[in-house]
Amino acid sequence: MRLALVGAGNVADRYAAAIGAEPDLELAGATDLDAARAEALVVEHGGRAYADLDAVLADDGVDTVV
């Protein structure tokens, strides 16, 4: 299952690490009002930085949004 995170603050790093540790999950990417935070999160954990929530929702490769 591919997940995307909305919000890349403090808790998102722990979510992304937990997703990465689970073999059946994959981090599709993240978005944040501060684009640099989303970019930093995906550089560390994988996936792509989405421009906004609409971009996340438009990605057919995302199964779940957190």
C-alpha atoms as a PDB file:
ATOM      1  CA  MET A   1       0.000   0.000   0.000  1.00  0.00           C
ATOM      2  CA  ARG A   2       1.326   3.431  -0.961  1.00  0.00           C
ATOM      3  CA  LEU A   3       0.747   6.237   1.523  1.00  0.00           C
ATOM      4  CA  ALA A   4       1.174   9.989   1.254  1.00  0.00           C
ATOM      5  CA  LEU A   5       1.544  12.340   4.197  1.00  0.00           C
ATOM      6  CA  VAL A   6      -0.190  15.703   4.397  1.00  0.00           C
ATOM      7  CA  GLY A   7       1.909  17.826   6.701  1.00  0.00           C
ATOM      8  CA  ALA A   8       5.626  17.251   7.137  1.00  0.00           C
ATOM      9  CA  GLY A   9       6.137  18.507  10.676  1.00  0.00           C
ATOM     10  CA  ASN A  10       7.641  16.694  13.667  1.00  0.00           C
ATOM     11  CA  VAL A  11       5.226  13.756  13.736  1.00  0.00           C
ATOM     12  CA  ALA A  12       5.556  13.141   9.993  1.00  0.00           C
ATOM     13  CA  ASP A  13       9.161  12.021  10.382  1.00  0.00           C
ATOM     14  CA  ARG A  14       8.065   9.276  12.783  1.00  0.00           C
ATOM     15  CA  TYR A  15       5.194   8.270  10.493  1.00  0.00           C
ATOM     16  CA  ALA A  16       7.546   8.093   7.518  1.00  0.00           C
ATOM     17  CA  ALA A  17      10.051   5.966   9.458  1.00  0.00           C
ATOM     18  CA  ALA A  18       7.291   3.585  10.558  1.00  0.00           C
ATOM     19  CA  ILE A  19       5.989   3.329   6.995  1.00  0.00           C
ATOM     20  CA  GLY A  20       9.490   2.568   5.751  1.00  0.00           C
ATOM     21  CA  ALA A  21       9.942  -0.165   8.341  1.00  0.00           C
ATOM     22  CA  GLU A  22       6.797  -1.996   7.262  1.00  0.00           C
ATOM     23  CA  PRO A  23       7.382  -4.244   4.219  1.00  0.00           C
ATOM     24  CA  ASP A  24       3.812  -3.911   2.910  1.00  0.00           C
ATOM     25  CA  LEU A  25       3.864  -0.098   3.006  1.00  0.00           C
ATOM     26  CA  GLU A  26       5.601   2.468   0.828  1.00  0.00           C
ATOM     27  CA  LEU A  27       5.847   6.213   1.275  1.00  0.00           C
ATOM     28  CA  ALA A  28       4.535   7.739  -1.956  1.00  0.00           C
ATOM     29  CA  GLY A  29       5.471  11.210  -0.759  1.00  0.00           C
ATOM     30  CA  ALA A  30       4.407  14.214   1.270  1.00  0.00           C
ATOM     31  CA  THR A  31       3.086  17.730   1.020  1.00  0.00           C
ATOM     32  CA  ASP A  32       3.273  20.658   3.391  1.00  0.00           C
ATOM     33  CA  LEU A  33       2.460  24.369   3.312  1.00  0.00           C
ATOM     34  CA  ASP A  34       6.220  24.782   3.717  1.00  0.00           C
ATOM     35  CA  ALA A  35       7.486  23.046   0.571  1.00  0.00           C
ATOM     36  CA  ALA A  36      11.006  22.781   2.004  1.00  0.00           C
ATOM     37  CA  ARG A  37       9.752  20.595   4.863  1.00  0.00           C
ATOM     38  CA  ALA A  38       8.061  18.197   2.446  1.00  0.00           C
ATOM     39  CA  GLU A  39      11.201  18.090   0.308  1.00  0.00           C
ATOM     40  CA  ALA A  40      13.411  17.371   3.337  1.00  0.00           C
ATOM     41  CA  LEU A  41      11.098  14.563   4.450  1.00  0.00           C
ATOM     42  CA  VAL A  42      11.130  12.782   1.094  1.00  0.00           C
ATOM     43  CA  VAL A  43      14.884  13.236   0.690  1.00  0.00           C
ATOM     44  CA  GLU A  44      15.300  11.299   3.939  1.00  0.00           C
ATOM     45  CA  HIS A  45      12.477   8.747   3.553  1.00  0.00           C
ATOM     46  CA  GLY A  46      11.748   8.487  -0.173  1.00  0.00           C
ATOM     47  CA  GLY A  47       8.781   9.356  -2.314  1.00  0.00           C
ATOM     48  CA  ARG A  48       8.068  12.692  -3.912  1.00  0.00           C
ATOM     49  CA  ALA A  49       7.257  16.144  -2.646  1.00  0.00           C
ATOM     50  CA  TYR A  50       3.770  17.085  -3.813  1.00  0.00           C
ATOM     51  CA  ALA A  51       2.941  20.735  -4.477  1.00  0.00           C
ATOM     52  CA  ASP A  52      -0.314  20.566  -2.518  1.00  0.00           C
ATOM     53  CA  LEU A  53      -3.155  18.332  -1.325  1.00  0.00           C
ATOM     54  CA  ASP A  54      -4.823  18.438  -4.739  1.00  0.00           C
ATOM     55  CA  ALA A  55      -1.678  16.944  -6.281  1.00  0.00           C
ATOM     56  CA  VAL A  56      -1.686  14.149  -3.696  1.00  0.00           C
ATOM     57  CA  LEU A  57      -5.344  13.369  -4.346  1.00  0.00           C
ATOM     58  CA  ALA A  58      -4.807  13.412  -8.119  1.00  0.00           C
ATOM     59  CA  ASP A  59      -2.072  10.756  -7.922  1.00  0.00           C
ATOM     60  CA  ASP A  60      -3.690   7.403  -8.716  1.00  0.00           C
ATOM     61  CA  GLY A  61      -0.625   5.704  -7.237  1.00  0.00           C
ATOM     62  CA  VAL A  62      -1.540   6.860  -3.721  1.00  0.00           C
ATOM     63  CA  ASP A  63      -3.767   4.411  -1.851  1.00  0.00           C
ATOM     64  CA  THR A  64      -4.067   6.219   1.473  1.00  0.00           C
ATOM     65  CA  VAL A  65      -3.583   9.782   2.658  1.00  0.00           C
ATOM     66  CA  VAL A  66      -2.488  10.388   6.243  1.00  0.00           C
END
